Amino acid sequence: MGVAAADSEFHVLAVDDSIIDRKLIERLLKTSSYQVTTVDSGSKALEFLTTNPNNHQEVEVNLVITDYCMPGMTGYDLLKKIKESSLLRNIPVVIMSSENVPSRISRCLEEGAEEFFLKPVQLSDLNKLRPHILKTKIKHQKQQVQGEAKQEEEEEEEKSEFESPTQQEQQQRQPQQPDNNKRKAAMEEELSTDRTTRPRYNDIATVV
């Protein structure tokens, strides 16, 4: 499978209030063979992520790329909402901005953004997305495998506990066997003692 074919399996949610920038990022993502969904606000992005089945979506979102400056919910606010959610926090988030403000960039990266792109976004910038998607996907698969293995182990333990009687129950079910060996030894000892203590009357005639 080629890189383009592999990337076409990945779904990116692009968020920007500017229709021009939104169309530009959509075209660049499709050129890079990504599936793309676009929305014009942070609140709509959050609604899309939380109301559809499979994160719960029909098509899983593998990455969110969002503009920083938007009315209402900013890109930074959206980033925080995603990272605070137990269901969404593993989705990689990339921030875009036309303003090169170091404190803004640092704040986004500290909050969990994977990248911070300066507009206009270039095709070369989008080459940086794939490693973040793959890293998250592998991590998610490992967590799934570990979760399934743990579940199977717990099921096996429950099955074993249900089928196997406890040691105490086994002891209660076992009949109490008499200790024949001890009884036999006691009898032999008694006979032996009787033989050694009984007086002998060899060659003695009793006269009446």
Protein backbone atom coordinates (compact mmCIF):
# COMPACT_ATOMS: atom_id res chain seq x y z
CA MET A 1 0.00 0.00 0.00
CA GLY A 2 1.43 3.40 -1.01
CA VAL A 3 1.64 6.47 1.20
CA ALA A 4 -1.19 8.21 -0.67
CA ALA A 5 -3.45 5.18 -0.30
CA ALA A 6 -2.63 4.96 3.42
CA ASP A 7 -3.27 8.68 3.95
CA SER A 8 -6.66 8.40 2.23
CA GLU A 9 -7.74 6.29 5.19
CA PHE A 10 -7.10 9.23 7.53
CA HIS A 11 -9.82 11.77 8.24
CA VAL A 12 -8.97 15.37 9.15
CA LEU A 13 -11.43 17.86 10.66
CA ALA A 14 -10.48 21.38 9.50
CA VAL A 15 -11.81 24.37 11.47
CA ASP A 16 -11.63 27.98 10.24
CA ASP A 17 -14.10 30.87 10.27
CA SER A 18 -12.60 32.29 7.04
CA ILE A 19 -14.16 30.64 4.00
CA ILE A 20 -11.05 31.43 1.92
CA ASP A 21 -8.66 29.83 4.41
CA ARG A 22 -11.07 26.95 4.90
CA LYS A 23 -11.19 26.20 1.17
CA LEU A 24 -7.40 26.49 0.95
CA ILE A 25 -6.72 24.02 3.76
CA GLU A 26 -9.38 21.66 2.38
CA ARG A 27 -7.71 21.70 -1.06
CA LEU A 28 -4.25 21.10 0.43
CA LEU A 29 -5.48 18.22 2.57
CA LYS A 30 -7.25 16.57 -0.36
CA THR A 31 -4.11 17.02 -2.47
CA SER A 32 -2.30 15.12 0.27
CA SER A 33 -4.96 12.37 -0.06
CA TYR A 34 -6.68 12.99 3.30
CA GLN A 35 -10.42 12.72 3.80
CA VAL A 36 -11.61 16.15 4.94
CA THR A 37 -14.55 17.58 6.86
CA THR A 38 -14.69 21.38 7.27
CA VAL A 39 -16.60 23.49 9.81
CA ASP A 40 -16.56 27.25 10.41
CA SER A 41 -16.36 27.42 14.23
CA GLY A 42 -14.91 25.73 17.27
CA SER A 43 -18.36 25.00 18.69
CA LYS A 44 -19.41 23.20 15.49
CA ALA A 45 -16.18 21.21 15.56
CA LEU A 46 -16.83 20.14 19.14
CA GLU A 47 -20.43 19.27 18.25
CA PHE A 48 -19.24 17.15 15.31
CA LEU A 49 -16.74 15.32 17.52
CA THR A 50 -19.14 14.60 20.38
CA THR A 51 -22.54 13.96 18.78
CA ASN A 52 -21.68 11.54 15.96
CA PRO A 53 -21.19 7.81 16.74
CA ASN A 54 -17.45 6.39 16.89
CA ASN A 55 -15.56 8.93 18.98
CA HIS A 56 -18.42 8.38 18.24
CA GLN A 57 -18.44 9.01 14.54
CA GLU A 58 -19.46 7.28 11.35
CA VAL A 59 -16.03 8.32 10.06
CA GLU A 60 -13.36 8.46 12.75
CA VAL A 61 -11.52 11.78 13.03
CA ASN A 62 -7.76 11.16 13.09
CA LEU A 63 -6.65 14.80 13.44
CA VAL A 64 -8.09 18.28 14.04
CA ILE A 65 -6.47 21.31 12.40
CA THR A 66 -7.90 24.63 13.58
CA ASP A 67 -7.39 28.36 13.20
CA TYR A 68 -6.35 30.13 16.40
CA CYS A 69 -8.36 33.36 16.06
CA MET A 70 -12.08 32.69 15.69
CA PRO A 71 -15.13 34.42 17.17
CA GLY A 72 -16.80 32.65 20.08
CA MET A 73 -14.72 29.55 20.78
CA THR A 74 -11.11 30.16 19.68
CA GLY A 75 -8.78 27.46 18.41
CA TYR A 76 -7.04 27.50 21.79
CA ASP A 77 -10.38 26.98 23.57
CA LEU A 78 -11.18 24.08 21.23
CA LEU A 79 -7.77 22.55 21.93
CA LYS A 80 -8.40 22.70 25.69
CA LYS A 81 -11.88 21.18 25.33
CA ILE A 82 -10.49 18.28 23.31
CA LYS A 83 -7.62 17.59 25.71
CA GLU A 84 -9.93 17.77 28.73
CA SER A 85 -12.27 15.14 27.26
CA SER A 86 -11.58 11.49 28.08
CA LEU A 87 -13.17 10.50 24.76
CA LEU A 88 -11.32 13.01 22.56
CA ARG A 89 -7.97 13.70 24.22
CA ASN A 90 -6.06 11.23 22.02
CA ILE A 91 -6.98 13.08 18.82
CA PRO A 92 -3.96 15.11 17.62
CA VAL A 93 -4.64 18.87 17.30
CA VAL A 94 -2.73 21.30 15.08
CA ILE A 95 -3.15 25.08 15.40
CA MET A 96 -2.91 27.60 12.52
CA SER A 97 -2.47 31.36 12.80
CA SER A 98 -1.55 34.29 10.57
CA GLU A 99 0.16 35.95 13.56
CA ASN A 100 3.59 34.83 14.72
CA VAL A 101 3.24 35.37 18.47
CA PRO A 102 5.79 33.24 20.42
CA SER A 103 3.80 33.29 23.68
CA ARG A 104 0.69 32.09 21.81
CA ILE A 105 2.64 29.31 20.12
CA SER A 106 4.20 28.19 23.42
CA ARG A 107 0.84 28.22 25.18
CA CYS A 108 -0.75 26.00 22.52
CA LEU A 109 2.13 23.53 22.50
CA GLU A 110 2.10 23.33 26.30
CA GLU A 111 -1.65 22.66 26.22
CA GLY A 112 -1.07 19.65 23.94
CA ALA A 113 -1.03 20.90 20.33
CA GLU A 114 1.16 18.76 18.07
CA GLU A 115 2.15 21.60 15.73
CA PHE A 116 1.65 25.32 15.22
CA PHE A 117 1.53 26.38 11.53
CA LEU A 118 1.83 29.95 10.30
CA LYS A 119 -0.57 30.95 7.53
CA PRO A 120 -0.64 30.60 4.64
CA VAL A 121 -0.26 26.89 5.27
CA GLN A 122 2.00 25.16 2.74
CA LEU A 123 1.83 21.65 1.35
CA SER A 124 5.17 20.97 3.05
CA ASP A 125 3.54 21.78 6.42
CA LEU A 126 0.97 19.05 5.90
CA ASN A 127 3.74 16.45 5.50
CA LYS A 128 4.21 16.83 9.26
CA LEU A 129 0.69 15.59 10.00
CA ARG A 130 1.11 11.93 9.11
CA PRO A 131 3.64 11.01 11.87
CA HIS A 132 1.32 12.46 14.53
CA ILE A 133 -1.65 10.51 13.17
CA LEU A 134 0.32 7.26 12.98
CA LYS A 135 1.76 7.69 16.48
CA THR A 136 -1.70 8.20 17.95
CA LYS A 137 -3.19 5.34 15.93
CA ILE A 138 -0.49 2.88 17.08
CA LYS A 139 -0.94 4.00 20.69
CA HIS A 140 -4.70 3.52 20.40
CA GLN A 141 -4.25 0.03 18.91
CA LYS A 142 -1.90 -0.97 21.74
CA GLN A 143 -4.42 0.24 24.32
CA GLN A 144 -7.14 -1.79 22.58
CA VAL A 145 -4.99 -4.94 22.54
CA GLN A 146 -4.06 -4.48 26.22
CA GLY A 147 -7.69 -3.89 27.13
CA GLU A 148 -8.84 -7.01 25.26
CA ALA A 149 -6.06 -9.12 26.85
CA LYS A 150 -7.00 -7.89 30.32
CA GLN A 151 -10.67 -8.63 29.69
CA GLU A 152 -9.85 -12.18 28.50
CA GLU A 153 -7.68 -12.73 31.59
CA GLU A 154 -10.47 -11.58 33.90
CA GLU A 155 -12.96 -13.84 32.11
CA GLU A 156 -10.61 -16.81 32.48
CA GLU A 157 -10.21 -16.08 36.21
CA GLU A 158 -13.98 -15.88 36.68
CA LYS A 159 -14.44 -19.13 34.76
CA SER A 160 -11.76 -20.85 36.82
CA GLU A 161 -13.30 -19.67 40.09
CA PHE A 162 -16.72 -20.86 38.99
CA GLU A 163 -15.63 -24.32 37.82
CA SER A 164 -12.97 -25.21 40.44
CA PRO A 165 -14.09 -25.92 44.04
CA THR A 166 -12.09 -24.25 46.75
CA GLN A 167 -9.51 -26.21 48.74
CA GLN A 168 -11.77 -26.10 51.79
CA GLU A 169 -14.69 -27.51 49.79
CA GLN A 170 -12.49 -30.31 48.48
CA GLN A 171 -11.42 -31.22 52.00
CA GLN A 172 -15.04 -31.26 53.16
CA ARG A 173 -16.03 -33.52 50.29
CA GLN A 174 -13.23 -36.05 50.92
CA PRO A 175 -14.38 -38.98 53.20
CA GLN A 176 -12.43 -39.41 56.37
CA GLN A 177 -10.36 -42.61 55.86
CA PRO A 178 -9.43 -44.66 59.02
CA ASP A 179 -5.73 -44.95 59.56
CA ASN A 180 -5.43 -48.73 59.10
CA ASN A 181 -1.65 -48.69 59.22
CA LYS A 182 -1.61 -47.15 62.70
CA ARG A 183 -4.15 -49.64 63.99
CA LYS A 184 -2.20 -52.56 62.57
CA ALA A 185 1.05 -51.30 64.13
CA ALA A 186 -0.64 -50.93 67.54
CA MET A 187 -1.99 -54.46 67.40
CA GLU A 188 1.39 -55.89 66.44
CA GLU A 189 3.04 -53.99 69.26
CA GLU A 190 0.50 -55.39 71.76
CA LEU A 191 1.09 -58.97 70.60
CA SER A 192 4.84 -58.53 70.76
CA THR A 193 4.65 -57.24 74.33
CA ASP A 194 2.43 -60.12 75.38
CA ARG A 195 4.90 -62.65 74.00
CA THR A 196 7.93 -61.22 75.81
CA THR A 197 6.29 -60.90 79.23
CA ARG A 198 4.55 -64.32 79.42
CA PRO A 199 6.55 -66.85 81.65
CA ARG A 200 7.81 -70.08 80.14
CA TYR A 201 7.52 -73.50 81.94
CA ASN A 202 9.82 -75.72 79.92
CA ASP A 203 10.62 -79.18 81.41
CA ILE A 204 8.67 -78.51 84.62
CA ALA A 205 6.21 -81.13 85.75
CA THR A 206 3.43 -80.21 88.03
CA VAL A 207 2.95 -82.64 90.88
CA VAL A 208 -0.46 -82.94 92.34
